[in-house]
Amino acid sequence: MDWSPILISIKTASLSMFITFFLGIFAAWAVIRLHSDRLKIICDGILTLPLVLPPTVAGFFLLYLFGVKRPIGQFFIDFFSVKIAFSWGATVLAAVVMSFPLMYRSARGAFEQVDPNLAAAARTLGMSEWEIFWKVLFANAVPGILSGGVLAFARGLGEFGATSMIAGNIAGKTRTLPMAVYSEVAAGNMEAATSYVAVIVVIAFLSIILMNLGALKAGGKKYGD
């Protein structure tokens, strides 16, 4: 069995989770701070859109923007000599876009569960909004935020549609685990495909276990168990 798809997938999912973790947290914080409900709905719809779009459609938009002869893609080539499309970076880009809504919605839900009276009390003590975010909002929303991070990792690991559009299926370079499964099945090599599927299932299952353990631990703290 070729180990490169496993290594590529783990690297891609790990980096995309790191990026998505912070993007999702600050996007959620920015949205819940908006005063206009209408603006909240619009921003939430835009940020959640990749979650409901077919992955190939999201991949199409990415290819349209970051393709070699497209505006952003051409900019990176001209000024940084970096080609994004059909590179390992493209697998990370696809994973970030597709996993971002899960992180964003998890973080937003966790923030909205925090008692607003805690933030109000912190303001009366003279704490800045930045301090309130880290010491009150973030500190009390950690379990939900970490669950979002685990979901984002699992989603990045399993991304297929957008990756196939923007990154392709280049062996040893952009061939992630889902792409490897597809390639082996197409070639009639069911034994290799089964091995890759087993790896994906094990990692996904472990991710769920970690998420559930985090939720259980948070629940124990909350109720004093």
C-alpha atoms as a PDB file:
ATOM      1  CA  MET A   1       0.000   0.000   0.000  1.00  0.00           C
ATOM      2  CA  ASP A   2       1.222   3.470  -0.943  1.00  0.00           C
ATOM      3  CA  TRP A   3       1.505   5.532   2.234  1.00  0.00           C
ATOM      4  CA  SER A   4       1.689   8.918   0.513  1.00  0.00           C
ATOM      5  CA  PRO A   5      -2.122   9.476   0.432  1.00  0.00           C
ATOM      6  CA  ILE A   6      -2.253   8.892   4.193  1.00  0.00           C
ATOM      7  CA  LEU A   7       0.568  11.340   4.885  1.00  0.00           C
ATOM      8  CA  ILE A   8      -0.841  13.928   2.479  1.00  0.00           C
ATOM      9  CA  SER A   9      -4.300  13.643   4.038  1.00  0.00           C
ATOM     10  CA  ILE A  10      -3.032  13.974   7.610  1.00  0.00           C
ATOM     11  CA  LYS A  11      -0.886  16.989   6.702  1.00  0.00           C
ATOM     12  CA  THR A  12      -3.754  18.584   4.794  1.00  0.00           C
ATOM     13  CA  ALA A  13      -6.343  17.966   7.514  1.00  0.00           C
ATOM     14  CA  SER A  14      -4.005  19.148  10.277  1.00  0.00           C
ATOM     15  CA  LEU A  15      -3.021  22.408   8.576  1.00  0.00           C
ATOM     16  CA  SER A  16      -6.569  23.122   7.416  1.00  0.00           C
ATOM     17  CA  MET A  17      -7.862  22.504  10.950  1.00  0.00           C
ATOM     18  CA  PHE A  18      -5.287  24.962  12.353  1.00  0.00           C
ATOM     19  CA  ILE A  19      -6.318  27.633   9.861  1.00  0.00           C
ATOM     20  CA  THR A  20     -10.037  26.939  10.153  1.00  0.00           C
ATOM     21  CA  PHE A  21      -9.890  26.890  13.959  1.00  0.00           C
ATOM     22  CA  PHE A  22      -8.891  30.537  14.218  1.00  0.00           C
ATOM     23  CA  LEU A  23     -10.887  31.724  11.198  1.00  0.00           C
ATOM     24  CA  GLY A  24     -14.027  30.053  12.520  1.00  0.00           C
ATOM     25  CA  ILE A  25     -13.624  31.438  16.040  1.00  0.00           C
ATOM     26  CA  PHE A  26     -13.115  35.035  14.972  1.00  0.00           C
ATOM     27  CA  ALA A  27     -15.804  34.848  12.279  1.00  0.00           C
ATOM     28  CA  ALA A  28     -18.283  33.564  14.877  1.00  0.00           C
ATOM     29  CA  TRP A  29     -17.280  36.308  17.310  1.00  0.00           C
ATOM     30  CA  ALA A  30     -17.660  38.965  14.620  1.00  0.00           C
ATOM     31  CA  VAL A  31     -21.119  37.728  13.603  1.00  0.00           C
ATOM     32  CA  ILE A  32     -22.559  37.531  17.120  1.00  0.00           C
ATOM     33  CA  ARG A  33     -21.324  41.086  17.786  1.00  0.00           C
ATOM     34  CA  LEU A  34     -23.338  42.484  14.857  1.00  0.00           C
ATOM     35  CA  HIS A  35     -26.276  44.619  15.984  1.00  0.00           C
ATOM     36  CA  SER A  36     -28.411  44.128  12.874  1.00  0.00           C
ATOM     37  CA  ASP A  37     -30.323  40.840  12.726  1.00  0.00           C
ATOM     38  CA  ARG A  38     -30.658  41.195   8.961  1.00  0.00           C
ATOM     39  CA  LEU A  39     -26.897  41.586   8.576  1.00  0.00           C
ATOM     40  CA  LYS A  40     -26.369  38.588  10.871  1.00  0.00           C
ATOM     41  CA  ILE A  41     -28.602  36.443   8.654  1.00  0.00           C
ATOM     42  CA  ILE A  42     -26.799  37.528   5.484  1.00  0.00           C
ATOM     43  CA  CYS A  43     -23.305  36.987   6.941  1.00  0.00           C
ATOM     44  CA  ASP A  44     -24.318  33.642   8.425  1.00  0.00           C
ATOM     45  CA  GLY A  45     -25.705  32.533   5.068  1.00  0.00           C
ATOM     46  CA  ILE A  46     -22.497  33.454   3.249  1.00  0.00           C
ATOM     47  CA  LEU A  47     -20.230  31.787   5.821  1.00  0.00           C
ATOM     48  CA  THR A  48     -22.354  28.613   5.937  1.00  0.00           C
ATOM     49  CA  LEU A  49     -22.835  28.333   2.166  1.00  0.00           C
ATOM     50  CA  PRO A  50     -20.011  25.792   1.538  1.00  0.00           C
ATOM     51  CA  LEU A  51     -21.773  23.426   3.949  1.00  0.00           C
ATOM     52  CA  VAL A  52     -24.877  23.169   1.755  1.00  0.00           C
ATOM     53  CA  LEU A  53     -23.304  23.549  -1.681  1.00  0.00           C
ATOM     54  CA  PRO A  54     -22.255  20.397  -3.552  1.00  0.00           C
ATOM     55  CA  PRO A  55     -18.483  20.092  -3.030  1.00  0.00           C
ATOM     56  CA  THR A  56     -17.867  20.142  -6.785  1.00  0.00           C
ATOM     57  CA  VAL A  57     -19.645  23.502  -7.010  1.00  0.00           C
ATOM     58  CA  ALA A  58     -17.453  24.905  -4.238  1.00  0.00           C
ATOM     59  CA  GLY A  59     -14.470  23.457  -6.103  1.00  0.00           C
ATOM     60  CA  PHE A  60     -15.634  25.153  -9.286  1.00  0.00           C
ATOM     61  CA  PHE A  61     -15.647  28.546  -7.561  1.00  0.00           C
ATOM     62  CA  LEU A  62     -12.178  27.875  -6.143  1.00  0.00           C
ATOM     63  CA  LEU A  63     -10.861  26.886  -9.567  1.00  0.00           C
ATOM     64  CA  TYR A  64     -12.511  29.948 -11.092  1.00  0.00           C
ATOM     65  CA  LEU A  65     -10.689  32.197  -8.619  1.00  0.00           C
ATOM     66  CA  PHE A  66      -7.370  30.394  -8.144  1.00  0.00           C
ATOM     67  CA  GLY A  67      -6.875  28.789 -11.556  1.00  0.00           C
ATOM     68  CA  VAL A  68      -3.665  29.524 -13.439  1.00  0.00           C
ATOM     69  CA  LYS A  69      -5.304  32.089 -15.704  1.00  0.00           C
ATOM     70  CA  ARG A  70      -7.773  33.418 -13.148  1.00  0.00           C
ATOM     71  CA  PRO A  71      -7.454  36.682 -11.166  1.00  0.00           C
ATOM     72  CA  ILE A  72      -6.134  35.478  -7.812  1.00  0.00           C
ATOM     73  CA  GLY A  73      -4.235  32.534  -9.261  1.00  0.00           C
ATOM     74  CA  GLN A  74      -2.497  34.779 -11.797  1.00  0.00           C
ATOM     75  CA  PHE A  75      -1.665  37.284  -9.052  1.00  0.00           C
ATOM     76  CA  PHE A  76       0.123  34.641  -6.974  1.00  0.00           C
ATOM     77  CA  ILE A  77       2.063  33.442 -10.018  1.00  0.00           C
ATOM     78  CA  ASP A  78       3.095  36.935 -11.122  1.00  0.00           C
ATOM     79  CA  PHE A  79       4.101  38.319  -7.721  1.00  0.00           C
ATOM     80  CA  PHE A  80       5.085  35.245  -5.700  1.00  0.00           C
ATOM     81  CA  SER A  81       5.866  32.649  -8.403  1.00  0.00           C
ATOM     82  CA  VAL A  82       3.449  30.310  -6.614  1.00  0.00           C
ATOM     83  CA  LYS A  83       0.928  28.209  -8.502  1.00  0.00           C
ATOM     84  CA  ILE A  84      -2.016  27.361  -6.260  1.00  0.00           C
ATOM     85  CA  ALA A  85      -4.155  25.168  -8.513  1.00  0.00           C
ATOM     86  CA  PHE A  86      -3.125  21.513  -8.731  1.00  0.00           C
ATOM     87  CA  SER A  87      -0.625  21.810  -5.898  1.00  0.00           C
ATOM     88  CA  TRP A  88      -0.585  20.519  -2.324  1.00  0.00           C
ATOM     89  CA  GLY A  89      -1.627  23.990  -1.197  1.00  0.00           C
ATOM     90  CA  ALA A  90      -4.805  23.547  -3.223  1.00  0.00           C
ATOM     91  CA  THR A  91      -5.743  20.496  -1.140  1.00  0.00           C
ATOM     92  CA  VAL A  92      -5.398  22.639   1.993  1.00  0.00           C
ATOM     93  CA  LEU A  93      -7.424  25.445   0.412  1.00  0.00           C
ATOM     94  CA  ALA A  94     -10.242  23.045  -0.489  1.00  0.00           C
ATOM     95  CA  ALA A  95     -10.214  21.499   2.988  1.00  0.00           C
ATOM     96  CA  VAL A  96     -10.317  24.924   4.659  1.00  0.00           C
ATOM     97  CA  VAL A  97     -13.269  26.108   2.570  1.00  0.00           C
ATOM     98  CA  MET A  98     -15.281  22.928   3.100  1.00  0.00           C
ATOM     99  CA  SER A  99     -14.540  22.516   6.823  1.00  0.00           C
ATOM    100  CA  PHE A 100     -14.847  26.192   7.768  1.00  0.00           C
ATOM    101  CA  PRO A 101     -18.682  26.190   8.167  1.00  0.00           C
ATOM    102  CA  LEU A 102     -18.498  23.353  10.713  1.00  0.00           C
ATOM    103  CA  MET A 103     -15.959  25.226  12.811  1.00  0.00           C
ATOM    104  CA  TYR A 104     -17.808  28.517  12.449  1.00  0.00           C
ATOM    105  CA  ARG A 105     -21.205  27.123  13.415  1.00  0.00           C
ATOM    106  CA  SER A 106     -19.778  25.137  16.337  1.00  0.00           C
ATOM    107  CA  ALA A 107     -17.972  28.203  17.663  1.00  0.00           C
ATOM    108  CA  ARG A 108     -21.001  30.435  17.192  1.00  0.00           C
ATOM    109  CA  GLY A 109     -23.277  27.954  18.957  1.00  0.00           C
ATOM    110  CA  ALA A 110     -20.787  27.667  21.825  1.00  0.00           C
ATOM    111  CA  PHE A 111     -20.479  31.445  22.160  1.00  0.00           C
ATOM    112  CA  GLU A 112     -24.248  31.927  22.168  1.00  0.00           C
ATOM    113  CA  GLN A 113     -24.584  29.417  25.014  1.00  0.00           C
ATOM    114  CA  VAL A 114     -22.429  31.574  27.293  1.00  0.00           C
ATOM    115  CA  ASP A 115     -24.489  33.615  29.752  1.00  0.00           C
ATOM    116  CA  PRO A 116     -24.409  37.241  28.474  1.00  0.00           C
ATOM    117  CA  ASN A 117     -24.533  38.429  32.083  1.00  0.00           C
ATOM    118  CA  LEU A 118     -20.946  37.209  32.477  1.00  0.00           C
ATOM    119  CA  ALA A 119     -19.759  39.575  29.745  1.00  0.00           C
ATOM    120  CA  ALA A 120     -21.839  42.405  31.199  1.00  0.00           C
ATOM    121  CA  ALA A 121     -20.298  41.840  34.631  1.00  0.00           C
ATOM    122  CA  ALA A 122     -16.809  41.820  33.097  1.00  0.00           C
ATOM    123  CA  ARG A 123     -17.491  45.195  31.468  1.00  0.00           C
ATOM    124  CA  THR A 124     -18.483  46.689  34.817  1.00  0.00           C
ATOM    125  CA  LEU A 125     -15.081  45.530  36.119  1.00  0.00           C
ATOM    126  CA  GLY A 126     -13.356  47.507  33.378  1.00  0.00           C
ATOM    127  CA  MET A 127     -12.271  44.618  31.162  1.00  0.00           C
ATOM    128  CA  SER A 128     -11.708  45.396  27.480  1.00  0.00           C
ATOM    129  CA  GLU A 129     -13.698  43.613  24.761  1.00  0.00           C
ATOM    130  CA  TRP A 130     -10.572  41.658  23.843  1.00  0.00           C
ATOM    131  CA  GLU A 131     -10.111  40.517  27.435  1.00  0.00           C
ATOM    132  CA  ILE A 132     -13.796  39.619  27.669  1.00  0.00           C
ATOM    133  CA  PHE A 133     -13.469  37.527  24.522  1.00  0.00           C
ATOM    134  CA  TRP A 134     -10.534  35.470  25.802  1.00  0.00           C
ATOM    135  CA  LYS A 135     -11.223  35.312  29.535  1.00  0.00           C
ATOM    136  CA  VAL A 136     -15.017  35.058  29.505  1.00  0.00           C
ATOM    137  CA  LEU A 137     -16.451  34.083  26.131  1.00  0.00           C
ATOM    138  CA  PHE A 138     -13.710  31.784  24.859  1.00  0.00           C
ATOM    139  CA  ALA A 139     -12.978  30.247  28.261  1.00  0.00           C
ATOM    140  CA  ASN A 140     -16.613  29.206  28.747  1.00  0.00           C
ATOM    141  CA  ALA A 141     -17.079  28.015  25.163  1.00  0.00           C
ATOM    142  CA  VAL A 142     -13.967  25.810  24.949  1.00  0.00           C
ATOM    143  CA  PRO A 143     -15.784  22.414  24.809  1.00  0.00           C
ATOM    144  CA  GLY A 144     -17.950  23.457  21.855  1.00  0.00           C
ATOM    145  CA  ILE A 145     -15.012  25.094  20.112  1.00  0.00           C
ATOM    146  CA  LEU A 146     -12.843  21.991  20.478  1.00  0.00           C
ATOM    147  CA  SER A 147     -15.680  19.845  19.132  1.00  0.00           C
ATOM    148  CA  GLY A 148     -15.788  22.125  16.110  1.00  0.00           C
ATOM    149  CA  GLY A 149     -12.049  21.673  15.643  1.00  0.00           C
ATOM    150  CA  VAL A 150     -12.410  17.891  15.665  1.00  0.00           C
ATOM    151  CA  LEU A 151     -15.261  18.084  13.140  1.00  0.00           C
ATOM    152  CA  ALA A 152     -13.181  20.391  10.948  1.00  0.00           C
ATOM    153  CA  PHE A 153     -10.277  17.918  11.027  1.00  0.00           C
ATOM    154  CA  ALA A 154     -12.532  15.018  10.080  1.00  0.00           C
ATOM    155  CA  ARG A 155     -14.161  17.042   7.294  1.00  0.00           C
ATOM    156  CA  GLY A 156     -10.793  18.095   5.929  1.00  0.00           C
ATOM    157  CA  LEU A 157      -9.610  14.495   5.996  1.00  0.00           C
ATOM    158  CA  GLY A 158     -12.618  13.311   4.014  1.00  0.00           C
ATOM    159  CA  GLU A 159     -12.828  16.120   1.479  1.00  0.00           C
ATOM    160  CA  PHE A 160     -13.156  14.848  -2.105  1.00  0.00           C
ATOM    161  CA  GLY A 161     -15.271  16.958  -4.459  1.00  0.00           C
ATOM    162  CA  ALA A 162     -13.658  20.381  -4.074  1.00  0.00           C
ATOM    163  CA  THR A 163     -10.201  18.790  -3.873  1.00  0.00           C
ATOM    164  CA  SER A 164     -10.697  16.957  -7.164  1.00  0.00           C
ATOM    165  CA  MET A 165     -11.646  20.241  -8.865  1.00  0.00           C
ATOM    166  CA  ILE A 166      -8.914  22.552  -7.580  1.00  0.00           C
ATOM    167  CA  ALA A 167      -6.087  20.140  -6.710  1.00  0.00           C
ATOM    168  CA  GLY A 168      -6.628  17.168  -9.007  1.00  0.00           C
ATOM    169  CA  ASN A 169      -5.494  13.621  -8.353  1.00  0.00           C
ATOM    170  CA  ILE A 170      -1.722  13.735  -8.676  1.00  0.00           C
ATOM    171  CA  ALA A 171       0.003  10.737  -7.110  1.00  0.00           C
ATOM    172  CA  GLY A 172       2.403  11.694  -4.319  1.00  0.00           C
ATOM    173  CA  LYS A 173       1.360  15.336  -4.495  1.00  0.00           C
ATOM    174  CA  THR A 174      -2.398  15.947  -4.228  1.00  0.00           C
ATOM    175  CA  ARG A 175      -3.782  12.407  -3.957  1.00  0.00           C
ATOM    176  CA  THR A 176      -5.489  12.351  -0.575  1.00  0.00           C
ATOM    177  CA  LEU A 177      -7.134   9.299   0.997  1.00  0.00           C
ATOM    178  CA  PRO A 178     -10.558   9.841  -0.626  1.00  0.00           C
ATOM    179  CA  MET A 179      -8.862  10.383  -3.985  1.00  0.00           C
ATOM    180  CA  ALA A 180      -6.801   7.230  -3.446  1.00  0.00           C
ATOM    181  CA  VAL A 181      -9.957   5.212  -2.736  1.00  0.00           C
ATOM    182  CA  TYR A 182     -11.525   6.521  -5.938  1.00  0.00           C
ATOM    183  CA  SER A 183      -8.391   5.795  -7.985  1.00  0.00           C
ATOM    184  CA  GLU A 184      -7.983   2.245  -6.679  1.00  0.00           C
ATOM    185  CA  VAL A 185     -11.642   1.397  -7.244  1.00  0.00           C
ATOM    186  CA  ALA A 186     -11.462   2.824 -10.774  1.00  0.00           C
ATOM    187  CA  ALA A 187      -8.389   0.653 -11.396  1.00  0.00           C
ATOM    188  CA  GLY A 188     -10.162  -2.414 -10.023  1.00  0.00           C
ATOM    189  CA  ASN A 189      -7.757  -2.737  -7.098  1.00  0.00           C
ATOM    190  CA  MET A 190     -10.331  -3.369  -4.377  1.00  0.00           C
ATOM    191  CA  GLU A 191      -7.780  -4.667  -1.855  1.00  0.00           C
ATOM    192  CA  ALA A 192      -5.862  -1.380  -1.809  1.00  0.00           C
ATOM    193  CA  ALA A 193      -9.101   0.595  -1.779  1.00  0.00           C
ATOM    194  CA  THR A 194     -10.287  -1.405   1.231  1.00  0.00           C
ATOM    195  CA  SER A 195      -7.058  -0.612   3.086  1.00  0.00           C
ATOM    196  CA  TYR A 196      -7.501   3.118   2.494  1.00  0.00           C
ATOM    197  CA  VAL A 197     -11.152   2.954   3.522  1.00  0.00           C
ATOM    198  CA  ALA A 198     -10.152   1.186   6.747  1.00  0.00           C
ATOM    199  CA  VAL A 199      -7.684   3.976   7.568  1.00  0.00           C
ATOM    200  CA  ILE A 200     -10.335   6.647   6.967  1.00  0.00           C
ATOM    201  CA  VAL A 201     -12.901   4.823   9.108  1.00  0.00           C
ATOM    202  CA  VAL A 202     -10.448   4.385  11.987  1.00  0.00           C
ATOM    203  CA  ILE A 203      -9.402   8.045  11.980  1.00  0.00           C
ATOM    204  CA  ALA A 204     -13.018   9.223  11.678  1.00  0.00           C
ATOM    205  CA  PHE A 205     -14.090   6.944  14.535  1.00  0.00           C
ATOM    206  CA  LEU A 206     -11.271   8.171  16.765  1.00  0.00           C
ATOM    207  CA  SER A 207     -12.284  11.750  15.980  1.00  0.00           C
ATOM    208  CA  ILE A 208     -15.840  11.044  17.107  1.00  0.00           C
ATOM    209  CA  ILE A 209     -14.576   9.385  20.304  1.00  0.00           C
ATOM    210  CA  LEU A 210     -12.409  12.424  21.096  1.00  0.00           C
ATOM    211  CA  MET A 211     -15.329  14.773  20.464  1.00  0.00           C
ATOM    212  CA  ASN A 212     -17.655  12.734  22.689  1.00  0.00           C
ATOM    213  CA  LEU A 213     -15.061  12.514  25.470  1.00  0.00           C
ATOM    214  CA  GLY A 214     -14.659  16.279  25.354  1.00  0.00           C
ATOM    215  CA  ALA A 215     -18.417  16.796  25.551  1.00  0.00           C
ATOM    216  CA  LEU A 216     -18.706  14.288  28.415  1.00  0.00           C
ATOM    217  CA  LYS A 217     -15.927  15.993  30.332  1.00  0.00           C
ATOM    218  CA  ALA A 218     -17.505  19.395  29.781  1.00  0.00           C
ATOM    219  CA  GLY A 219     -20.852  18.065  30.954  1.00  0.00           C
ATOM    220  CA  GLY A 220     -19.264  16.664  34.116  1.00  0.00           C
ATOM    221  CA  LYS A 221     -17.726  20.023  34.931  1.00  0.00           C
ATOM    222  CA  LYS A 222     -20.949  21.834  34.222  1.00  0.00           C
ATOM    223  CA  TYR A 223     -23.058  19.719  36.507  1.00  0.00           C
ATOM    224  CA  GLY A 224     -20.406  19.012  39.119  1.00  0.00           C
ATOM    225  CA  ASP A 225     -20.180  15.269  38.390  1.00  0.00           C
END
